Amino acid sequence: MDKPIKKIKCMVVDDEPLAREVVSRFISRVPTLQLVTECENAIQALTAIQQQEIDLIFVDIQMPELLGTEFIRILQHPPKFILTTAFPEYALEGYDLDVVDYLLKPIQFERFLKAINKAALQIGVAPQPIPTTHARQEDRADPYLYFRTDRKMVKVMLDEIVYIEGMKNYIRIITTNGAIITKNSMAAVEAMLPETTFIRTHRSFIVSRTKISSFTGETIGLGTVEIPIGKLFKNSVMKALTG
């Protein structure tokens, strides 16, 4: 009789719903991981960690009320931590806290597995095989996503998205059926979208490759709409569009 697989009990702490969904979905794809609970802030996590056994916590750094790094510092007997953030400048502080790893959003599944394997070695669980890039891109996203707007969750089919615009703490999703405004970050949404279909052209814009009708070195045409290409994104955009 085969021995049961030892599970690493995980918690996800992030104030962005889509960011929690990304990590939770990745956890569900790894046989040695078990998602115990999700928390939208560190205060909730402090309560949850007292009530349940947790081996590994994925925690965002920038959260309201209590930063992820502050959360780690106040725990007397902390489990293992993997930091998740869109800001690379926090990396040094994270390693000073002796975290297992530091994942920069948007998180890729292959990079997620590498972090998991580091944690597995410290916890005493067998590491996971790293998939090929081709397989990872095919599995990166479902054909739809849910977004909260007007106090309900709205399904948006990926093939209907034309472009996404960031507006401070909100994003505007332009689809072939209209527009949706929801509270979220560009980094969290980008992490949910397949690289083969969507491309980040600017700090404030993500476009669907299938909806592109024209482009120059400065703009991308989506029918009658022109989307800017940011300087930091120009090289990657040109490479993606010209092959």
Protein backbone atom coordinates (compact mmCIF):
# COMPACT_ATOMS: atom_id res chain seq x y z
CA MET A 1 0.00 0.00 0.00
CA ASP A 2 1.33 3.41 -0.99
CA LYS A 3 2.08 5.81 1.82
CA PRO A 4 -0.15 8.92 1.85
CA ILE A 5 1.50 12.06 0.48
CA LYS A 6 2.58 14.41 3.26
CA LYS A 7 0.83 17.73 2.75
CA ILE A 8 2.25 21.19 3.38
CA LYS A 9 -0.59 23.14 5.01
CA CYS A 10 -0.74 26.60 3.40
CA MET A 11 -2.26 30.00 4.11
CA VAL A 12 -2.60 32.84 1.58
CA VAL A 13 -2.65 36.43 2.90
CA ASP A 14 -3.29 39.24 0.41
CA ASP A 15 -5.72 42.15 0.28
CA GLU A 16 -6.22 41.69 -3.49
CA PRO A 17 -8.84 39.00 -4.31
CA LEU A 18 -7.32 38.14 -7.68
CA ALA A 19 -3.86 37.85 -6.20
CA ARG A 20 -5.20 35.38 -3.62
CA GLU A 21 -6.93 33.48 -6.41
CA VAL A 22 -3.70 33.15 -8.39
CA VAL A 23 -1.76 31.65 -5.48
CA SER A 24 -4.68 29.47 -4.38
CA ARG A 25 -5.07 28.07 -7.89
CA PHE A 26 -1.35 27.32 -8.05
CA ILE A 27 -1.57 25.55 -4.68
CA SER A 28 -4.42 23.36 -5.97
CA ARG A 29 -2.16 22.15 -8.80
CA VAL A 30 0.55 20.81 -6.47
CA PRO A 31 -0.21 17.42 -4.84
CA THR A 32 1.94 18.11 -1.77
CA LEU A 33 0.18 21.39 -0.94
CA GLN A 34 -3.06 21.87 0.96
CA LEU A 35 -4.78 25.25 1.13
CA VAL A 36 -6.08 25.65 4.69
CA THR A 37 -7.37 29.22 4.54
CA GLU A 38 -7.20 32.59 2.79
CA CYS A 39 -7.05 35.94 4.60
CA GLU A 40 -7.44 39.44 3.18
CA ASN A 41 -5.21 41.08 5.77
CA ALA A 42 -2.63 40.26 8.43
CA ILE A 43 -5.08 40.87 11.29
CA GLN A 44 -7.28 38.04 10.03
CA ALA A 45 -4.19 35.89 9.56
CA LEU A 46 -3.11 36.42 13.19
CA THR A 47 -6.41 34.95 14.34
CA ALA A 48 -6.39 32.11 11.80
CA ILE A 49 -2.86 30.99 12.63
CA GLN A 50 -3.87 30.53 16.29
CA GLN A 51 -6.78 28.29 15.32
CA GLN A 52 -5.22 26.07 12.64
CA GLU A 53 -1.95 24.29 11.96
CA ILE A 54 -0.05 26.11 9.21
CA ASP A 55 3.28 25.07 7.67
CA LEU A 56 3.69 27.73 4.98
CA ILE A 57 2.27 31.22 4.50
CA PHE A 58 2.21 33.17 1.25
CA VAL A 59 1.96 36.80 2.33
CA ASP A 60 1.80 40.07 0.44
CA ILE A 61 3.92 42.90 1.84
CA GLN A 62 1.85 46.01 1.19
CA MET A 63 -1.45 45.53 3.01
CA PRO A 64 -3.66 47.87 5.05
CA GLU A 65 -3.37 48.01 8.86
CA LEU A 66 -0.33 45.71 9.10
CA LEU A 67 2.41 45.10 6.54
CA GLY A 68 3.34 41.54 5.67
CA THR A 69 6.84 42.08 7.03
CA GLU A 70 5.43 43.43 10.31
CA PHE A 71 3.18 40.37 10.51
CA ILE A 72 6.21 38.09 10.26
CA ARG A 73 8.11 40.02 12.95
CA ILE A 74 5.41 39.80 15.62
CA LEU A 75 4.99 36.00 15.45
CA GLN A 76 6.82 34.19 18.25
CA HIS A 77 6.89 30.78 16.54
CA PRO A 78 6.43 31.55 12.84
CA PRO A 79 5.93 28.91 10.14
CA LYS A 80 7.76 29.19 6.83
CA PHE A 81 7.03 32.27 4.72
CA ILE A 82 7.08 33.08 1.02
CA LEU A 83 6.65 36.78 0.28
CA THR A 84 4.55 37.90 -2.68
CA THR A 85 4.70 41.49 -3.91
CA ALA A 86 4.78 43.72 -6.97
CA PHE A 87 7.65 45.77 -5.53
CA PRO A 88 11.18 44.35 -5.92
CA GLU A 89 12.68 46.92 -3.56
CA TYR A 90 11.39 44.89 -0.59
CA ALA A 91 13.48 41.83 -1.48
CA LEU A 92 16.39 42.64 0.85
CA GLU A 93 14.11 43.20 3.83
CA GLY A 94 12.41 39.89 3.10
CA TYR A 95 15.63 37.93 3.17
CA ASP A 96 16.62 39.68 6.40
CA LEU A 97 13.50 38.07 7.87
CA ASP A 98 14.76 34.63 6.79
CA VAL A 99 11.82 33.94 4.48
CA VAL A 100 11.96 30.90 2.19
CA ASP A 101 11.62 32.91 -1.02
CA TYR A 102 10.41 36.12 -2.59
CA LEU A 103 7.91 35.98 -5.50
CA LEU A 104 7.52 39.04 -7.66
CA LYS A 105 4.06 39.62 -9.12
CA PRO A 106 2.83 38.67 -11.65
CA ILE A 107 3.82 35.23 -10.36
CA GLN A 108 4.62 32.53 -12.92
CA PHE A 109 3.76 28.92 -12.06
CA GLU A 110 7.29 27.68 -12.80
CA ARG A 111 8.75 30.28 -10.44
CA PHE A 112 6.10 29.36 -7.87
CA LEU A 113 7.21 25.72 -8.00
CA LYS A 114 10.83 26.67 -7.44
CA ALA A 115 9.82 28.52 -4.28
CA ILE A 116 7.71 25.56 -3.17
CA ASN A 117 10.66 23.21 -3.61
CA LYS A 118 12.80 25.42 -1.37
CA ALA A 119 10.08 25.26 1.29
CA ALA A 120 9.64 21.51 0.84
CA LEU A 121 13.32 20.89 1.57
CA GLN A 122 13.08 22.87 4.80
CA ILE A 123 9.81 21.21 5.87
CA GLY A 124 10.85 17.70 4.85
CA VAL A 125 8.58 17.03 1.85
CA ALA A 126 9.63 15.72 -1.56
CA PRO A 127 10.16 18.45 -4.20
CA GLN A 128 7.92 18.80 -7.25
CA PRO A 129 9.04 18.43 -10.90
CA ILE A 130 9.22 21.69 -12.87
CA PRO A 131 7.03 21.59 -16.03
CA THR A 132 8.23 22.69 -19.45
CA THR A 133 7.52 26.25 -20.56
CA HIS A 134 5.19 25.02 -23.31
CA ALA A 135 3.00 23.08 -20.91
CA ARG A 136 2.96 25.93 -18.40
CA GLN A 137 1.72 28.47 -20.93
CA GLU A 138 -1.10 26.23 -22.09
CA ASP A 139 -2.35 25.80 -18.51
CA ARG A 140 -1.86 29.33 -17.25
CA ALA A 141 -5.45 30.55 -17.29
CA ASP A 142 -9.06 29.44 -17.50
CA PRO A 143 -11.14 30.72 -20.47
CA TYR A 144 -12.85 33.16 -18.11
CA LEU A 145 -12.32 35.17 -14.93
CA TYR A 146 -14.69 36.54 -12.31
CA PHE A 147 -14.53 40.19 -11.23
CA ARG A 148 -16.44 41.85 -8.41
CA THR A 149 -18.48 44.83 -9.53
CA ASP A 150 -21.75 46.32 -8.23
CA ARG A 151 -21.69 43.91 -5.26
CA LYS A 152 -21.68 40.79 -7.44
CA MET A 153 -19.17 38.57 -9.23
CA VAL A 154 -19.32 38.97 -13.01
CA LYS A 155 -17.91 36.35 -15.39
CA VAL A 156 -15.71 37.77 -18.16
CA MET A 157 -14.67 35.50 -21.03
CA LEU A 158 -11.00 36.04 -21.90
CA ASP A 159 -11.67 36.05 -25.64
CA GLU A 160 -14.07 38.99 -25.15
CA ILE A 161 -11.50 41.25 -23.46
CA VAL A 162 -10.16 44.02 -25.73
CA TYR A 163 -7.93 45.79 -23.23
CA ILE A 164 -7.56 46.55 -19.52
CA GLU A 165 -6.77 49.98 -18.10
CA GLY A 166 -5.38 50.69 -14.65
CA MET A 167 -6.86 53.60 -12.69
CA LYS A 168 -5.09 53.90 -9.30
CA ASN A 169 -6.85 51.33 -7.08
CA TYR A 170 -9.25 50.24 -9.82
CA ILE A 171 -9.09 48.66 -13.24
CA ARG A 172 -11.38 49.14 -16.23
CA ILE A 173 -11.93 46.06 -18.39
CA ILE A 174 -13.08 46.86 -21.90
CA THR A 175 -14.81 43.91 -23.55
CA THR A 176 -16.71 43.38 -26.77
CA ASN A 177 -19.88 43.59 -24.62
CA GLY A 178 -19.05 46.75 -22.68
CA ALA A 179 -16.92 47.94 -19.77
CA ILE A 180 -16.48 46.68 -16.21
CA ILE A 181 -14.84 48.63 -13.38
CA THR A 182 -13.53 46.68 -10.40
CA LYS A 183 -11.21 47.34 -7.48
CA ASN A 184 -7.92 45.58 -8.19
CA SER A 185 -4.35 46.10 -9.36
CA MET A 186 -2.80 45.66 -12.78
CA ALA A 187 -0.21 43.25 -11.35
CA ALA A 188 -2.87 40.94 -9.93
CA VAL A 189 -4.88 40.88 -13.15
CA GLU A 190 -1.80 40.39 -15.31
CA ALA A 191 -0.91 37.31 -13.26
CA MET A 192 -4.26 35.75 -14.18
CA LEU A 193 -3.90 36.24 -17.93
CA PRO A 194 -2.08 33.90 -20.36
CA GLU A 195 1.08 35.42 -21.88
CA THR A 196 0.22 33.85 -25.23
CA THR A 197 -2.96 35.96 -25.50
CA PHE A 198 -2.35 39.18 -23.56
CA ILE A 199 0.51 41.63 -23.53
CA ARG A 200 1.38 44.45 -21.10
CA THR A 201 2.10 47.53 -23.21
CA HIS A 202 2.23 50.19 -20.53
CA ARG A 203 2.11 50.53 -16.75
CA SER A 204 -1.60 51.27 -17.16
CA PHE A 205 -2.58 49.03 -20.09
CA ILE A 206 -2.85 45.35 -21.01
CA VAL A 207 -4.18 44.45 -24.47
CA SER A 208 -5.46 41.30 -26.13
CA ARG A 209 -3.17 40.25 -28.96
CA THR A 210 -6.13 38.95 -30.96
CA LYS A 211 -7.75 42.41 -30.94
CA ILE A 212 -4.69 44.29 -32.27
CA SER A 213 -5.37 45.82 -35.70
CA SER A 214 -2.17 47.86 -36.10
CA PHE A 215 0.88 49.12 -34.22
CA THR A 216 3.77 51.58 -34.38
CA GLY A 217 6.75 52.09 -32.11
CA GLU A 218 4.61 54.26 -29.82
CA THR A 219 1.04 52.94 -30.00
CA ILE A 220 -1.10 49.87 -30.55
CA GLY A 221 -4.31 50.13 -32.52
CA LEU A 222 -7.40 48.29 -31.35
CA GLY A 223 -9.86 49.29 -34.04
CA THR A 224 -10.51 52.99 -33.46
CA VAL A 225 -8.75 52.99 -30.06
CA GLU A 226 -5.03 53.70 -29.67
CA ILE A 227 -3.16 52.34 -26.64
CA PRO A 228 0.25 53.80 -25.70
CA ILE A 229 3.42 51.72 -25.51
CA GLY A 230 5.44 52.69 -22.46
CA LYS A 231 9.20 53.11 -22.68
CA LEU A 232 9.83 50.35 -20.15
CA PHE A 233 7.67 47.93 -22.14
CA LYS A 234 8.68 48.85 -25.70
CA ASN A 235 11.34 46.18 -26.21
CA SER A 236 9.18 43.32 -24.93
CA VAL A 237 6.17 44.54 -26.91
CA MET A 238 8.11 44.82 -30.17
CA LYS A 239 9.64 41.39 -29.63
CA ALA A 240 6.22 39.86 -28.98
CA LEU A 241 4.59 41.49 -32.00
CA THR A 242 7.37 40.96 -34.52
CA GLY A 243 8.42 37.49 -33.40
